[in-house]
PDB file of N, CA and C in Angstrom:
ATOM      1  N   UNK A   1       0.795  -1.204  -0.033  1.00  0.00           N
ATOM      2  CA  UNK A   1      -0.004   0.006   0.007  1.00  0.00           C
ATOM      3  C   UNK A   1       0.859   1.256   0.003  1.00  0.00           C
ATOM      4  N   UNK A   2       1.975   1.168   0.655  1.00  0.00           N
ATOM      5  CA  UNK A   2       2.830   2.386   0.719  1.00  0.00           C
ATOM      6  C   UNK A   2       3.496   2.708  -0.563  1.00  0.00           C
ATOM      7  N   UNK A   3       3.642   1.714  -1.426  1.00  0.00           N
ATOM      8  CA  UNK A   3       4.279   1.928  -2.731  1.00  0.00           C
ATOM      9  C   UNK A   3       3.472   2.824  -3.678  1.00  0.00           C
ATOM     10  N   UNK A   4       2.178   3.003  -3.390  1.00  0.00           N
ATOM     11  CA  UNK A   4       1.336   3.826  -4.304  1.00  0.00           C
ATOM     12  C   UNK A   4       1.311   5.292  -3.844  1.00  0.00           C
ATOM     13  N   UNK A   5       1.995   5.605  -2.765  1.00  0.00           N
ATOM     14  CA  UNK A   5       2.043   7.023  -2.273  1.00  0.00           C
ATOM     15  C   UNK A   5       2.894   7.843  -3.165  1.00  0.00           C
ATOM     16  N   UNK A   6       2.640   9.142  -3.268  1.00  0.00           N
ATOM     17  CA  UNK A   6       3.528   9.983  -4.046  1.00  0.00           C
ATOM     18  C   UNK A   6       4.826  10.218  -3.261  1.00  0.00           C
ATOM     19  N   UNK A   7       5.846  10.654  -4.025  1.00  0.00           N
ATOM     20  CA  UNK A   7       7.161  10.987  -3.454  1.00  0.00           C
ATOM     21  C   UNK A   7       7.021  12.040  -2.415  1.00  0.00           C
ATOM     22  N   UNK A   8       7.649  11.992  -1.200  1.00  0.00           N
ATOM     23  CA  UNK A   8       8.591  11.034  -0.687  1.00  0.00           C
ATOM     24  C   UNK A   8       7.945   9.920   0.146  1.00  0.00           C
ATOM     25  N   UNK A   9       6.624   9.853   0.105  1.00  0.00           N
ATOM     26  CA  UNK A   9       5.909   8.788   0.875  1.00  0.00           C
ATOM     27  C   UNK A   9       6.283   7.395   0.514  1.00  0.00           C
ATOM     28  N   UNK A  10       6.695   7.181  -0.726  1.00  0.00           N
ATOM     29  CA  UNK A  10       7.030   5.842  -1.205  1.00  0.00           C
ATOM     30  C   UNK A  10       8.273   5.345  -0.395  1.00  0.00           C
ATOM     31  N   UNK A  11       9.046   6.188   0.142  1.00  0.00           N
ATOM     32  CA  UNK A  11      10.190   5.738   0.993  1.00  0.00           C
ATOM     33  C   UNK A  11       9.731   5.045   2.227  1.00  0.00           C
ATOM     34  N   UNK A  12       8.524   5.333   2.650  1.00  0.00           N
ATOM     35  CA  UNK A  12       8.003   4.648   3.845  1.00  0.00           C
ATOM     36  C   UNK A  12       7.841   3.138   3.662  1.00  0.00           C
ATOM     37  N   UNK A  13       7.790   2.692   2.387  1.00  0.00           N
ATOM     38  CA  UNK A  13       7.638   1.266   2.095  1.00  0.00           C
ATOM     39  C   UNK A  13       8.809   0.432   2.553  1.00  0.00           C
ATOM     40  N   UNK A  14       9.959   1.069   2.656  1.00  0.00           N
ATOM     41  CA  UNK A  14      11.133   0.236   3.070  1.00  0.00           C
ATOM     42  C   UNK A  14      11.290   0.219   4.627  1.00  0.00           C
ATOM     43  N   UNK A  15      10.640   1.100   5.345  1.00  0.00           N
ATOM     44  CA  UNK A  15      10.831   1.197   6.726  1.00  0.00           C
ATOM     45  C   UNK A  15      10.403  -0.036   7.572  1.00  0.00           C
ATOM     46  N   UNK A  16       9.396  -0.806   7.169  1.00  0.00           N
ATOM     47  CA  UNK A  16       9.045  -2.069   7.919  1.00  0.00           C
ATOM     48  C   UNK A  16      10.025  -3.195   7.667  1.00  0.00           C
ATOM     49  N   UNK A  17      10.896  -3.158   6.653  1.00  0.00           N
ATOM     50  CA  UNK A  17      11.720  -4.272   6.310  1.00  0.00           C
ATOM     51  C   UNK A  17      12.716  -4.643   7.375  1.00  0.00           C
ATOM     52  N   UNK A  18      13.359  -3.726   8.102  1.00  0.00           N
ATOM     53  CA  UNK A  18      14.219  -4.158   9.188  1.00  0.00           C
ATOM     54  C   UNK A  18      13.521  -4.896  10.331  1.00  0.00           C
ATOM     55  N   UNK A  19      12.247  -4.476  10.553  1.00  0.00           N
ATOM     56  CA  UNK A  19      11.467  -5.181  11.569  1.00  0.00           C
ATOM     57  C   UNK A  19      11.247  -6.632  11.117  1.00  0.00           C
ATOM     58  N   UNK A  20      10.991  -6.836   9.886  1.00  0.00           N
ATOM     59  CA  UNK A  20      10.760  -8.192   9.348  1.00  0.00           C
ATOM     60  C   UNK A  20      12.025  -9.064   9.488  1.00  0.00           C
ATOM     61  N   UNK A  21      13.169  -8.473   9.165  1.00  0.00           N
ATOM     62  CA  UNK A  21      14.435  -9.185   9.288  1.00  0.00           C
ATOM     63  C   UNK A  21      14.705  -9.532  10.752  1.00  0.00           C
ATOM     64  N   UNK A  22      14.371  -8.632  11.666  1.00  0.00           N
ATOM     65  CA  UNK A  22      14.574  -8.870  13.108  1.00  0.00           C
ATOM     66  C   UNK A  22      13.666 -10.031  13.586  1.00  0.00           C
ATOM     67  N   UNK A  23      12.466 -10.037  13.149  1.00  0.00           N
ATOM     68  CA  UNK A  23      11.551 -11.157  13.545  1.00  0.00           C
ATOM     69  C   UNK A  23      11.925 -12.435  12.978  1.00  0.00           C
ATOM     70  N   UNK A  24      12.366 -12.446  11.688  1.00  0.00           N
ATOM     71  CA  UNK A  24      12.751 -13.706  11.102  1.00  0.00           C
ATOM     72  C   UNK A  24      13.949 -14.397  11.755  1.00  0.00           C
ATOM     73  N   UNK A  25      14.805 -13.581  12.394  1.00  0.00           N
ATOM     74  CA  UNK A  25      15.991 -14.184  13.108  1.00  0.00           C
ATOM     75  C   UNK A  25      15.521 -15.072  14.218  1.00  0.00           C
ATOM     76  N   UNK A  26      14.358 -14.828  14.789  1.00  0.00           N
ATOM     77  CA  UNK A  26      13.873 -15.513  15.930  1.00  0.00           C
ATOM     78  C   UNK A  26      12.620 -16.377  15.650  1.00  0.00           C
ATOM     79  N   UNK A  27      12.406 -16.728  14.427  1.00  0.00           N
ATOM     80  CA  UNK A  27      11.151 -17.454  14.058  1.00  0.00           C
ATOM     81  C   UNK A  27      11.143 -18.850  14.585  1.00  0.00           C
ATOM     82  N   UNK A  28      12.279 -19.463  14.735  1.00  0.00           N
ATOM     83  CA  UNK A  28      12.354 -20.802  15.183  1.00  0.00           C
ATOM     84  C   UNK A  28      12.839 -20.952  16.641  1.00  0.00           C
ATOM     85  N   UNK A  29      12.606 -20.034  17.461  1.00  0.00           N
ATOM     86  CA  UNK A  29      12.993 -20.072  18.840  1.00  0.00           C
ATOM     87  C   UNK A  29      12.026 -20.973  19.598  1.00  0.00           C
ATOM     88  N   UNK A  30      12.566 -21.854  20.325  1.00  0.00           N
ATOM     89  CA  UNK A  30      11.755 -22.714  21.213  1.00  0.00           C
ATOM     90  C   UNK A  30      11.797 -22.311  22.661  1.00  0.00           C
ATOM     91  N   UNK A  31      11.217 -23.134  23.506  1.00  0.00           N
ATOM     92  CA  UNK A  31      11.253 -22.837  24.961  1.00  0.00           C
ATOM     93  C   UNK A  31      12.628 -23.046  25.542  1.00  0.00           C
ATOM     94  N   UNK A  32      13.406 -23.850  24.939  1.00  0.00           N
ATOM     95  CA  UNK A  32      14.793 -24.092  25.487  1.00  0.00           C
ATOM     96  C   UNK A  32      15.685 -22.957  25.331  1.00  0.00           C
ATOM     97  N   UNK A  33      15.547 -22.172  24.242  1.00  0.00           N
ATOM     98  CA  UNK A  33      16.472 -21.079  24.003  1.00  0.00           C
ATOM     99  C   UNK A  33      15.690 -19.742  23.891  1.00  0.00           C
ATOM    100  N   UNK A  34      14.605 -19.621  24.610  1.00  0.00           N
ATOM    101  CA  UNK A  34      13.784 -18.414  24.594  1.00  0.00           C
ATOM    102  C   UNK A  34      14.490 -17.142  25.043  1.00  0.00           C
ATOM    103  N   UNK A  35      15.525 -17.317  25.904  1.00  0.00           N
ATOM    104  CA  UNK A  35      16.290 -16.173  26.360  1.00  0.00           C
ATOM    105  C   UNK A  35      16.968 -15.405  25.260  1.00  0.00           C
ATOM    106  N   UNK A  36      17.141 -16.083  24.110  1.00  0.00           N
ATOM    107  CA  UNK A  36      17.802 -15.400  22.958  1.00  0.00           C
ATOM    108  C   UNK A  36      16.939 -14.250  22.399  1.00  0.00           C
ATOM    109  N   UNK A  37      15.645 -14.312  22.715  1.00  0.00           N
ATOM    110  CA  UNK A  37      14.720 -13.254  22.178  1.00  0.00           C
ATOM    111  C   UNK A  37      14.952 -11.896  22.807  1.00  0.00           C
ATOM    112  N   UNK A  38      15.687 -11.852  23.920  1.00  0.00           N
ATOM    113  CA  UNK A  38      16.022 -10.599  24.550  1.00  0.00           C
ATOM    114  C   UNK A  38      16.869  -9.741  23.634  1.00  0.00           C
ATOM    115  N   UNK A  39      17.740 -10.378  22.846  1.00  0.00           N
ATOM    116  CA  UNK A  39      18.481  -9.643  21.844  1.00  0.00           C
ATOM    117  C   UNK A  39      17.655  -9.060  20.757  1.00  0.00           C
ATOM    118  N   UNK A  40      16.610  -9.796  20.333  1.00  0.00           N
ATOM    119  CA  UNK A  40      15.699  -9.277  19.365  1.00  0.00           C
ATOM    120  C   UNK A  40      14.855  -8.091  19.923  1.00  0.00           C
ATOM    121  N   UNK A  41      14.589  -8.080  21.224  1.00  0.00           N
ATOM    122  CA  UNK A  41      13.868  -6.995  21.820  1.00  0.00           C
ATOM    123  C   UNK A  41      14.732  -5.793  21.875  1.00  0.00           C
ATOM    124  N   UNK A  42      16.009  -5.932  22.174  1.00  0.00           N
ATOM    125  CA  UNK A  42      16.913  -4.798  22.177  1.00  0.00           C
ATOM    126  C   UNK A  42      17.096  -4.203  20.812  1.00  0.00           C
ATOM    127  N   UNK A  43      17.141  -5.012  19.787  1.00  0.00           N
ATOM    128  CA  UNK A  43      17.244  -4.529  18.413  1.00  0.00           C
ATOM    129  C   UNK A  43      15.963  -3.826  18.004  1.00  0.00           C
ATOM    130  N   UNK A  44      14.805  -4.367  18.471  1.00  0.00           N
ATOM    131  CA  UNK A  44      13.535  -3.703  18.187  1.00  0.00           C
ATOM    132  C   UNK A  44      13.498  -2.297  18.750  1.00  0.00           C
ATOM    133  N   UNK A  45      13.989  -2.112  19.908  1.00  0.00           N
ATOM    134  CA  UNK A  45      14.007  -0.790  20.557  1.00  0.00           C
ATOM    135  C   UNK A  45      14.738   0.203  19.664  1.00  0.00           C
ATOM    136  N   UNK A  46      15.924  -0.186  19.194  1.00  0.00           N
ATOM    137  CA  UNK A  46      16.746   0.712  18.378  1.00  0.00           C
ATOM    138  C   UNK A  46      16.057   0.931  17.036  1.00  0.00           C
ATOM    139  N   UNK A  47      15.496  -0.133  16.466  1.00  0.00           N
ATOM    140  CA  UNK A  47      14.777   0.028  15.203  1.00  0.00           C
ATOM    141  C   UNK A  47      13.608   0.982  15.318  1.00  0.00           C
ATOM    142  N   UNK A  48      12.901   0.852  16.454  1.00  0.00           N
ATOM    143  CA  UNK A  48      11.709   1.680  16.651  1.00  0.00           C
ATOM    144  C   UNK A  48      12.140   3.144  16.762  1.00  0.00           C
ATOM    145  N   UNK A  49      13.243   3.441  17.436  1.00  0.00           N
ATOM    146  CA  UNK A  49      13.776   4.746  17.536  1.00  0.00           C
ATOM    147  C   UNK A  49      14.155   5.325  16.208  1.00  0.00           C
ATOM    148  N   UNK A  50      14.881   4.608  15.413  1.00  0.00           N
ATOM    149  CA  UNK A  50      15.298   5.037  14.118  1.00  0.00           C
ATOM    150  C   UNK A  50      14.138   5.199  13.128  1.00  0.00           C
ATOM    151  N   UNK A  51      13.252   4.239  13.162  1.00  0.00           N
ATOM    152  CA  UNK A  51      12.098   4.251  12.217  1.00  0.00           C
ATOM    153  C   UNK A  51      11.174   5.425  12.604  1.00  0.00           C
ATOM    154  N   UNK A  52      10.949   5.634  13.873  1.00  0.00           N
ATOM    155  CA  UNK A  52      10.140   6.737  14.255  1.00  0.00           C
ATOM    156  C   UNK A  52      10.737   8.080  13.768  1.00  0.00           C
ATOM    157  N   UNK A  53      12.014   8.257  13.907  1.00  0.00           N
ATOM    158  CA  UNK A  53      12.711   9.441  13.380  1.00  0.00           C
ATOM    159  C   UNK A  53      12.483   9.591  11.886  1.00  0.00           C
ATOM    160  N   UNK A  54      12.678   8.524  11.135  1.00  0.00           N
ATOM    161  CA  UNK A  54      12.525   8.551   9.693  1.00  0.00           C
ATOM    162  C   UNK A  54      11.072   8.817   9.283  1.00  0.00           C
ATOM    163  N   UNK A  55      10.117   8.232   9.966  1.00  0.00           N
ATOM    164  CA  UNK A  55       8.735   8.530   9.620  1.00  0.00           C
ATOM    165  C   UNK A  55       8.453   9.981   9.926  1.00  0.00           C
ATOM    166  N   UNK A  56       8.920  10.533  11.038  1.00  0.00           N
ATOM    167  CA  UNK A  56       8.722  11.926  11.319  1.00  0.00           C
ATOM    168  C   UNK A  56       9.333  12.825  10.271  1.00  0.00           C
ATOM    169  N   UNK A  57      10.513  12.481   9.770  1.00  0.00           N
ATOM    170  CA  UNK A  57      11.181  13.261   8.710  1.00  0.00           C
ATOM    171  C   UNK A  57      10.418  13.201   7.378  1.00  0.00           C
ATOM    172  N   UNK A  58       9.841  11.983   7.096  1.00  0.00           N
ATOM    173  CA  UNK A  58       9.007  11.846   5.902  1.00  0.00           C
ATOM    174  C   UNK A  58       7.793  12.672   5.978  1.00  0.00           C
ATOM    175  N   UNK A  59       7.139  12.683   7.150  1.00  0.00           N
ATOM    176  CA  UNK A  59       5.914  13.493   7.302  1.00  0.00           C
ATOM    177  C   UNK A  59       6.244  14.985   7.188  1.00  0.00           C
ATOM    178  N   UNK A  60       7.362  15.425   7.716  1.00  0.00           N
ATOM    179  CA  UNK A  60       7.748  16.837   7.576  1.00  0.00           C
ATOM    180  C   UNK A  60       8.031  17.164   6.112  1.00  0.00           C
ATOM    181  N   UNK A  61       8.758  16.268   5.412  1.00  0.00           N
ATOM    182  CA  UNK A  61       9.036  16.474   4.026  1.00  0.00           C
ATOM    183  C   UNK A  61       7.831  16.442   3.167  1.00  0.00           C
ATOM    184  N   UNK A  62       6.851  15.648   3.453  1.00  0.00           N
ATOM    185  CA  UNK A  62       5.625  15.556   2.667  1.00  0.00           C
ATOM    186  C   UNK A  62       4.818  16.807   2.823  1.00  0.00           C
ATOM    187  N   UNK A  63       4.778  17.356   4.101  1.00  0.00           N
ATOM    188  CA  UNK A  63       4.026  18.562   4.299  1.00  0.00           C
ATOM    189  C   UNK A  63       4.779  19.862   3.954  1.00  0.00           C
ATOM    190  N   UNK A  64       6.066  19.684   3.752  1.00  0.00           N
ATOM    191  CA  UNK A  64       6.885  20.951   3.430  1.00  0.00           C
ATOM    192  C   UNK A  64       6.572  21.407   2.002  1.00  0.00           C
ATOM    193  N   UNK A  65       6.346  20.500   1.106  1.00  0.00           N
ATOM    194  CA  UNK A  65       6.130  20.829  -0.276  1.00  0.00           C
ATOM    195  C   UNK A  65       4.729  21.474  -0.521  1.00  0.00           C
TER     196      UNK A  65
END
C-alpha cells in the first residue's frame, strides 16, 4: 500500500523491512532457548527509535512541499 504514495511517501515502504528481518531471526526459537529473544527486543527498541525518526522526517518532508 505504501508503494502507491507519491514521493517522498514511497520511501516509507522500506521502513518495515528491518522489523521483518529482526523477527525472522527468531522465528524458530523454542522454549529451551527463549532467552535469545532478549537480543531481538533490544534490536527492536533501536529499530523503533530510528524508524520513528525517519517517519517523522518523511511526514515533515511531505508537508513541506
